[in-house]
């Protein structure tokens, strides 16, 4: 589906010592900017993808994610590295270094997204998840059919999209950030730490929808770059000249948007897994198998646009801050309504006068009060039932 450039022209255009033998090429002119990089923008646009993958790996190690997610972020970084090698050198080996990790990484994502409450998918399904793509790669290497590879990868990407869309509707609570869950070791029932923080639907849905939207938008650039290359893009690039022609390199946008979208999708899987272990009744067996079991979970945004799933005690602190912030917004809205100055959109306001320690004490007291109230209701119900039985016996 992609435009095919003449390898002989690319070979003559540069001073590089290697042979151009890739079976795919893209709309960007070869060796036009520097002699040692074939497609300049298509190569450099992989740098954010590599950095996102490495940052995900760092957080996976820091917060103790399971191996499936550490490998998922590693696959993202490796795809970026392989893609940069392919577009930089335009050799067949570099092309395989780009395309093979795409299939392997997507297999990992299918594995991670399958029934997140389970410790792992059944063995027969693992054989399909990893066996079919391995067979597909082997067939692709033999027949060298780019359309076959694109069909294989596209069907796998569609499978992951369907999985995470389904999971987002089943593992995120629309309102609560704190729920009753298996108490961590060493805590007593009724204590604040016998509850667990989870990721609400507002954040979980944000991760899923933005991830899918970013990826599909990048895919739209990929299609446009292929279909409009010779008819529109090359004449426009020639008319604009450097450096303005860089803005028309659609394949570079594919790298940027698909890399960011994939990062969001992996992060949403981490969030889904944390919520599934915390709240699903079917996860009891998985909790005994997964090291550490269910953990407090929250989402933190780094650099405003990079979400990170935080696990452990730090997640409780983030949840407390978010609860205080939501409380402040609610108070502001109530005051505006009372004064008749309600605004059409919620006000984002931080209650700076309340410290984190105060907010933590407030939430812990409310949780403890909730536990006491529940126990009192249970005792009252039991006393009422006993009194009712005595009345019936006496009559």
Protein backbone atom coordinates (compact mmCIF):
# COMPACT_ATOMS: atom_id res chain seq x y z
CA UNK A 1 0.00 0.00 0.00
CA UNK A 2 2.97 2.31 0.59
CA UNK A 3 4.75 4.18 -2.25
CA UNK A 4 7.74 2.36 -3.69
CA UNK A 5 10.87 4.36 -4.46
CA UNK A 6 13.55 3.13 -6.82
CA UNK A 7 16.39 1.63 -4.69
CA UNK A 8 18.89 2.56 -7.41
CA UNK A 9 17.97 6.24 -7.10
CA UNK A 10 18.25 6.09 -3.31
CA UNK A 11 21.63 4.40 -3.64
CA UNK A 12 22.87 7.09 -6.00
CA UNK A 13 21.49 9.91 -3.86
CA UNK A 14 23.75 9.25 -0.88
CA UNK A 15 27.36 8.62 -0.02
CA UNK A 16 26.59 5.79 2.40
CA UNK A 17 28.57 2.56 2.14
CA UNK A 18 25.63 0.16 2.71
CA UNK A 19 23.21 -1.29 0.16
CA UNK A 20 19.57 -0.14 0.09
CA UNK A 21 17.54 -3.38 0.04
CA UNK A 22 14.37 -2.76 2.11
CA UNK A 23 11.10 -3.94 0.57
CA UNK A 24 9.17 -0.89 1.80
CA UNK A 25 9.78 2.83 1.48
CA UNK A 26 7.79 5.91 2.39
CA UNK A 27 6.94 9.30 0.99
CA UNK A 28 9.85 11.22 2.50
CA UNK A 29 12.74 11.83 0.11
CA UNK A 30 15.83 9.73 0.78
CA UNK A 31 19.16 11.25 1.93
CA UNK A 32 17.97 14.80 1.25
CA UNK A 33 19.03 16.36 4.56
CA UNK A 34 22.19 14.50 5.62
CA UNK A 35 24.11 11.77 3.82
CA UNK A 36 23.95 9.22 6.64
CA UNK A 37 20.14 9.29 7.35
CA UNK A 38 17.80 8.09 4.62
CA UNK A 39 14.50 9.53 5.88
CA UNK A 40 15.35 12.35 8.26
CA UNK A 41 11.96 13.16 9.84
CA UNK A 42 10.79 9.54 9.82
CA UNK A 43 13.92 8.66 11.77
CA UNK A 44 13.96 11.46 14.35
CA UNK A 45 10.21 11.18 15.03
CA UNK A 46 10.90 7.85 16.79
CA UNK A 47 12.82 9.53 19.62
CA UNK A 48 9.68 10.36 21.71
CA UNK A 49 8.51 6.76 21.32
CA UNK A 50 11.82 5.46 22.65
CA UNK A 51 11.77 7.91 25.57
CA UNK A 52 8.19 7.02 26.51
CA UNK A 53 9.06 3.33 26.50
CA UNK A 54 12.11 3.90 28.69
CA UNK A 55 10.13 6.11 31.08
CA UNK A 56 7.47 3.43 31.34
CA UNK A 57 10.15 0.84 32.15
CA UNK A 58 11.55 3.13 34.85
CA UNK A 59 8.16 3.50 36.52
CA UNK A 60 7.47 -0.22 36.15
CA UNK A 61 10.60 -0.96 38.17
CA UNK A 62 9.94 1.85 40.65
CA UNK A 63 6.37 0.83 41.51
CA UNK A 64 6.71 -2.91 41.12
CA UNK A 65 4.56 -3.56 38.03
CA UNK A 66 4.29 -7.14 36.89
CA UNK A 67 6.71 -8.39 34.25
CA UNK A 68 4.08 -8.23 31.48
CA UNK A 69 3.93 -4.44 31.78
CA UNK A 70 7.68 -3.97 32.08
CA UNK A 71 8.08 -6.00 28.87
CA UNK A 72 5.24 -4.05 27.25
CA UNK A 73 7.01 -0.73 27.79
CA UNK A 74 10.29 -2.32 26.67
CA UNK A 75 8.59 -3.45 23.45
CA UNK A 76 7.46 0.13 22.81
CA UNK A 77 11.02 1.41 23.22
CA UNK A 78 12.39 -1.36 21.01
CA UNK A 79 9.84 -0.62 18.27
CA UNK A 80 11.00 3.00 18.30
CA UNK A 81 14.63 1.91 18.07
CA UNK A 82 13.91 -0.54 15.24
CA UNK A 83 11.81 2.00 13.36
CA UNK A 84 14.60 4.59 13.61
CA UNK A 85 17.07 2.02 12.26
CA UNK A 86 14.78 1.09 9.37
CA UNK A 87 14.02 4.66 8.27
CA UNK A 88 17.61 5.70 8.83
CA UNK A 89 19.25 2.90 6.80
CA UNK A 90 16.49 1.45 4.55
CA UNK A 91 17.95 -2.05 4.76
CA UNK A 92 15.93 -5.27 4.93
CA UNK A 93 17.46 -6.32 8.24
CA UNK A 94 16.60 -2.96 9.77
CA UNK A 95 13.08 -3.29 8.40
CA UNK A 96 12.68 -6.60 10.24
CA UNK A 97 14.06 -4.89 13.34
CA UNK A 98 11.13 -2.48 13.04
CA UNK A 99 8.32 -4.85 12.10
CA UNK A 100 9.07 -7.92 14.24
CA UNK A 101 8.91 -6.03 17.59
CA UNK A 102 5.59 -4.52 16.49
CA UNK A 103 4.05 -8.00 16.29
CA UNK A 104 5.79 -9.33 19.41
CA UNK A 105 4.80 -6.25 21.43
CA UNK A 106 1.17 -6.49 20.31
CA UNK A 107 1.15 -10.15 21.40
CA UNK A 108 2.26 -8.99 24.86
CA UNK A 109 -0.56 -6.44 24.95
CA UNK A 110 -3.15 -9.09 24.03
CA UNK A 111 -1.74 -11.26 26.82
CA UNK A 112 -1.87 -8.41 29.36
CA UNK A 113 -5.40 -7.32 28.45
CA UNK A 114 -7.02 -10.77 28.63
CA UNK A 115 -9.27 -11.08 31.70
CA UNK A 116 -7.18 -8.82 33.95
CA UNK A 117 -8.45 -10.47 37.15
CA UNK A 118 -6.62 -13.70 36.27
CA UNK A 119 -3.04 -14.43 37.29
CA UNK A 120 -2.36 -15.33 33.65
CA UNK A 121 -4.28 -16.60 30.60
CA UNK A 122 -4.68 -20.38 30.21
CA UNK A 123 -1.86 -22.25 28.47
CA UNK A 124 -3.89 -23.06 25.37
CA UNK A 125 -4.62 -19.36 24.86
CA UNK A 126 -0.97 -18.43 25.40
CA UNK A 127 -0.08 -20.85 22.61
CA UNK A 128 -2.44 -18.96 20.30
CA UNK A 129 -1.44 -15.48 21.47
CA UNK A 130 2.27 -16.07 20.82
CA UNK A 131 2.21 -18.97 18.36
CA UNK A 132 0.07 -17.42 15.63
CA UNK A 133 2.13 -14.18 15.41
CA UNK A 134 5.38 -16.21 15.39
CA UNK A 135 4.04 -18.26 12.49
CA UNK A 136 2.94 -15.08 10.74
CA UNK A 137 6.39 -13.52 11.06
CA UNK A 138 7.96 -16.70 9.66
CA UNK A 139 5.60 -16.61 6.66
CA UNK A 140 6.34 -12.92 6.14
CA UNK A 141 10.10 -13.46 6.16
CA UNK A 142 9.70 -16.18 3.55
CA UNK A 143 7.27 -14.46 1.17
CA UNK A 144 8.32 -10.81 1.85
CA UNK A 145 4.76 -9.59 1.31
CA UNK A 146 4.30 -6.21 3.00
CA UNK A 147 0.51 -6.37 2.64
CA UNK A 148 0.50 -9.68 4.53
CA UNK A 149 2.44 -8.10 7.39
CA UNK A 150 0.13 -5.09 7.55
CA UNK A 151 -2.92 -7.38 7.67
CA UNK A 152 -1.36 -9.46 10.46
CA UNK A 153 -0.42 -6.44 12.55
CA UNK A 154 -3.70 -4.63 11.89
CA UNK A 155 -5.80 -7.59 13.04
CA UNK A 156 -3.76 -7.88 16.24
CA UNK A 157 -4.03 -4.15 16.95
CA UNK A 158 -7.81 -4.34 16.46
CA UNK A 159 -7.95 -7.22 18.96
CA UNK A 160 -6.12 -5.19 21.62
CA UNK A 161 -8.40 -2.20 20.99
CA UNK A 162 -11.51 -4.33 21.52
CA UNK A 163 -10.05 -5.83 24.70
CA UNK A 164 -9.19 -2.56 26.40
CA UNK A 165 -12.49 -0.97 25.37
CA UNK A 166 -14.34 -3.88 26.99
CA UNK A 167 -12.19 -3.77 30.13
CA UNK A 168 -12.71 -0.04 30.57
CA UNK A 169 -16.46 -0.65 31.00
CA UNK A 170 -16.05 -3.33 33.65
CA UNK A 171 -13.17 -2.46 35.96
CA UNK A 172 -13.52 1.26 36.71
CA UNK A 173 -15.98 2.61 39.30
CA UNK A 174 -17.70 5.81 38.18
CA UNK A 175 -17.57 7.56 41.52
CA UNK A 176 -15.47 5.97 44.24
CA UNK A 177 -11.72 6.21 44.71
CA UNK A 178 -11.71 4.24 47.98
CA UNK A 179 -13.38 0.82 48.37
CA UNK A 180 -13.41 -2.08 50.79
CA UNK A 181 -10.92 -4.70 49.67
CA UNK A 182 -8.69 -7.43 51.13
CA UNK A 183 -6.74 -5.72 53.89
CA UNK A 184 -2.97 -5.57 53.47
CA UNK A 185 -0.99 -7.83 55.77
CA UNK A 186 -0.63 -6.51 59.32
CA UNK A 187 -3.79 -4.37 59.36
CA UNK A 188 -6.95 -4.94 61.34
CA UNK A 189 -10.53 -4.81 59.98
CA UNK A 190 -12.05 -1.36 60.32
CA UNK A 191 -8.74 0.49 60.12
CA UNK A 192 -8.22 2.97 57.28
CA UNK A 193 -5.68 0.64 55.68
CA UNK A 194 -8.21 -2.17 55.42
CA UNK A 195 -9.59 -0.14 52.52
CA UNK A 196 -7.81 0.27 49.22
CA UNK A 197 -7.64 3.12 46.73
CA UNK A 198 -8.66 2.41 43.14
CA UNK A 199 -8.58 4.38 39.90
CA UNK A 200 -11.98 5.95 39.07
CA UNK A 201 -13.70 5.81 35.70
CA UNK A 202 -12.85 9.43 34.94
CA UNK A 203 -9.16 8.59 34.80
CA UNK A 204 -9.48 5.03 33.50
CA UNK A 205 -11.71 6.11 30.62
CA UNK A 206 -9.39 9.04 29.89
CA UNK A 207 -6.47 6.67 29.41
CA UNK A 208 -8.40 4.33 27.13
CA UNK A 209 -10.17 6.90 24.96
CA UNK A 210 -7.14 9.15 24.53
CA UNK A 211 -4.93 6.17 23.78
CA UNK A 212 -7.24 4.80 21.09
CA UNK A 213 -7.92 8.28 19.64
CA UNK A 214 -4.21 9.10 19.44
CA UNK A 215 -3.41 5.81 17.74
CA UNK A 216 -6.26 6.09 15.22
CA UNK A 217 -5.34 9.69 14.41
CA UNK A 218 -1.79 8.57 13.71
CA UNK A 219 -3.14 5.77 11.53
CA UNK A 220 -5.13 8.35 9.54
CA UNK A 221 -1.86 10.22 8.86
CA UNK A 222 -0.28 6.91 7.81
CA UNK A 223 -3.05 6.30 5.25
CA UNK A 224 -2.97 9.86 3.94
CA UNK A 225 0.81 9.71 3.56
CA UNK A 226 0.43 6.60 1.41
CA UNK A 227 -2.55 7.54 -0.71
CA UNK A 228 -1.64 11.19 -1.39
CA UNK A 229 2.12 10.83 -1.76
CA UNK A 230 2.62 11.28 -5.50
CA UNK A 231 -0.59 13.14 -6.31
CA UNK A 232 -0.42 15.88 -3.65
CA UNK A 233 2.35 15.62 -1.07
CA UNK A 234 5.46 15.48 -3.26
CA UNK A 235 4.39 18.50 -5.38
CA UNK A 236 3.55 20.48 -2.23
CA UNK A 237 6.85 19.56 -0.58
CA UNK A 238 8.74 20.64 -3.68
CA UNK A 239 6.92 23.97 -3.71
CA UNK A 240 7.49 24.64 -0.01
CA UNK A 241 11.12 23.61 0.16
CA UNK A 242 13.11 23.18 3.40
CA UNK A 243 12.35 23.43 6.25
CA UNK A 244 8.59 23.97 5.70
CA UNK A 245 8.21 20.70 3.84
CA UNK A 246 8.87 18.85 7.11
CA UNK A 247 5.31 19.61 8.27
CA UNK A 248 3.97 17.40 5.46
CA UNK A 249 5.81 14.25 6.51
CA UNK A 250 2.73 12.26 7.51
CA UNK A 251 4.62 9.13 8.51
CA UNK A 252 6.41 11.14 11.19
CA UNK A 253 3.03 12.06 12.73
CA UNK A 254 2.19 8.34 12.71
CA UNK A 255 5.28 7.66 14.84
CA UNK A 256 4.49 10.46 17.30
CA UNK A 257 0.79 9.71 17.74
CA UNK A 258 0.95 5.92 17.67
CA UNK A 259 3.84 5.95 20.15
CA UNK A 260 1.93 8.19 22.58
CA UNK A 261 -1.28 6.23 22.05
CA UNK A 262 0.47 2.93 22.72
CA UNK A 263 1.98 4.35 25.91
CA UNK A 264 -1.49 5.37 27.10
CA UNK A 265 -2.89 1.95 26.23
CA UNK A 266 -0.19 0.14 28.24
CA UNK A 267 -0.77 2.51 31.15
CA UNK A 268 -4.52 1.83 30.99
CA UNK A 269 -3.75 -1.90 31.20
CA UNK A 270 -1.73 -1.32 34.37
CA UNK A 271 -4.65 0.65 35.83
CA UNK A 272 -7.17 -2.02 34.82
CA UNK A 273 -5.03 -4.75 36.37
CA UNK A 274 -4.73 -2.85 39.66
CA UNK A 275 -8.48 -2.28 39.85
CA UNK A 276 -9.29 -5.87 38.87
CA UNK A 277 -7.12 -7.31 41.64
CA UNK A 278 -8.66 -4.90 44.14
CA UNK A 279 -12.35 -5.30 43.45
CA UNK A 280 -13.21 -8.35 41.36
CA UNK A 281 -14.55 -11.34 43.35
CA UNK A 282 -13.00 -13.59 40.71
CA UNK A 283 -9.54 -12.24 41.49
CA UNK A 284 -9.21 -14.08 44.82
CA UNK A 285 -7.09 -16.83 43.31
CA UNK A 286 -5.00 -14.34 41.35
CA UNK A 287 -4.27 -12.37 44.54
CA UNK A 288 -2.71 -15.47 46.06
CA UNK A 289 -0.54 -15.96 42.98
CA UNK A 290 0.42 -12.38 42.10
CA UNK A 291 3.29 -11.18 44.24
CA UNK A 292 2.02 -8.62 46.73
CA UNK A 293 -1.64 -9.07 45.71
CA UNK A 294 -3.86 -6.00 45.45
CA UNK A 295 -2.23 -2.61 46.04
CA UNK A 296 -3.40 0.97 46.42
CA UNK A 297 -3.49 2.59 42.97
CA UNK A 298 -3.74 6.13 41.63
CA UNK A 299 -2.81 8.05 38.47
CA UNK A 300 -0.27 10.87 38.49
CA UNK A 301 0.43 13.13 35.49
CA UNK A 302 4.06 13.99 34.82
CA UNK A 303 4.85 16.97 32.60
CA UNK A 304 1.06 17.50 32.30
CA UNK A 305 0.58 14.90 29.52
CA UNK A 306 2.35 11.71 30.69
CA UNK A 307 0.16 9.61 33.01
CA UNK A 308 1.80 7.19 35.44
CA UNK A 309 0.01 4.54 37.51
CA UNK A 310 1.33 4.81 41.08
CA UNK A 311 1.08 1.77 43.35
CA UNK A 312 1.52 1.57 47.13
CA UNK A 313 1.49 4.18 49.89
CA UNK A 314 2.23 7.03 47.48
CA UNK A 315 -1.02 6.18 45.69
CA UNK A 316 -2.99 6.82 48.90
CA UNK A 317 -1.39 10.25 49.23
CA UNK A 318 -2.26 11.12 45.63
CA UNK A 319 -5.84 9.93 46.16
CA UNK A 320 -6.11 12.09 49.27
CA UNK A 321 -4.94 15.13 47.33
CA UNK A 322 -7.47 14.40 44.57
CA UNK A 323 -10.25 13.98 47.14
CA UNK A 324 -9.39 17.31 48.76
CA UNK A 325 -9.29 18.97 45.36
CA UNK A 326 -12.71 17.50 44.47
CA UNK A 327 -14.03 18.62 47.86
CA UNK A 328 -12.80 22.15 47.15
CA UNK A 329 -14.51 22.19 43.76
CA UNK A 330 -17.75 20.96 45.33
CA UNK A 331 -17.65 23.65 48.01
CA UNK A 332 -17.00 26.32 45.38
CA UNK A 333 -19.92 25.12 43.25
CA UNK A 334 -22.27 25.08 46.25
CA UNK A 335 -21.23 28.61 47.18
CA UNK A 336 -21.73 29.85 43.61
CA UNK A 337 -25.19 28.30 43.45
CA UNK A 338 -26.12 29.83 46.80
CA UNK A 339 -24.94 33.25 45.65
CA UNK A 340 -26.59 32.87 42.24
CA UNK A 341 -23.28 33.12 40.42
CA UNK A 342 -23.00 29.51 39.26
CA UNK A 343 -20.69 29.05 36.31
CA UNK A 344 -21.45 26.71 33.42
CA UNK A 345 -18.28 24.68 34.01
CA UNK A 346 -16.77 23.37 37.26
CA UNK A 347 -14.08 25.52 38.81
CA UNK A 348 -10.69 23.93 39.19
CA UNK A 349 -9.57 25.08 42.61
CA UNK A 350 -7.05 23.67 45.05
CA UNK A 351 -7.65 23.99 48.81
CA UNK A 352 -4.18 25.18 49.63
CA UNK A 353 -5.23 26.01 53.19
CA UNK A 354 -5.62 22.29 53.98
CA UNK A 355 -2.34 20.45 54.31
CA UNK A 356 -1.81 16.90 53.11
CA UNK A 357 -1.52 15.67 56.71
CA UNK A 358 -4.84 17.32 57.60
CA UNK A 359 -6.54 15.87 54.53
CA UNK A 360 -5.15 12.43 55.29
CA UNK A 361 -6.47 12.63 58.86
CA UNK A 362 -9.86 13.77 57.55
CA UNK A 363 -10.15 10.88 55.12
CA UNK A 364 -8.94 8.34 57.67
CA UNK A 365 -11.53 9.60 60.16
CA UNK A 366 -14.28 9.38 57.57
CA UNK A 367 -13.24 5.85 56.65
CA UNK A 368 -13.12 4.81 60.29
CA UNK A 369 -16.50 6.45 60.92
CA UNK A 370 -17.95 4.61 57.94
CA UNK A 371 -16.66 1.32 59.34
CA UNK A 372 -18.10 2.07 62.80
CA UNK A 373 -21.44 3.09 61.31
CA UNK A 374 -21.61 -0.13 59.32
CA UNK A 375 -20.87 -2.20 62.42
CA UNK A 376 -23.49 -0.27 64.41
CA UNK A 377 -26.11 -0.88 61.72
CA UNK A 378 -25.30 -4.58 61.71
CA UNK A 379 -25.58 -4.74 65.53
CA UNK A 380 -28.87 -2.78 65.48
CA UNK A 381 -30.29 -5.14 62.87
CA UNK A 382 -29.26 -8.14 64.94
CA UNK A 383 -30.85 -6.71 68.13
CA UNK A 384 -34.05 -5.93 66.22
CA UNK A 385 -34.24 -9.47 64.91
CA UNK A 386 -33.75 -10.93 68.41
CA UNK A 387 -36.47 -8.68 69.85
CA UNK A 388 -38.81 -9.68 67.06
CA UNK A 389 -38.21 -13.35 67.76
CA UNK A 390 -38.89 -12.88 71.52
CA UNK A 391 -42.14 -11.08 70.73
CA UNK A 392 -43.29 -13.92 68.52
CA UNK A 393 -42.33 -16.52 71.16
CA UNK A 394 -44.18 -14.69 73.97
CA UNK A 395 -47.34 -14.38 71.86
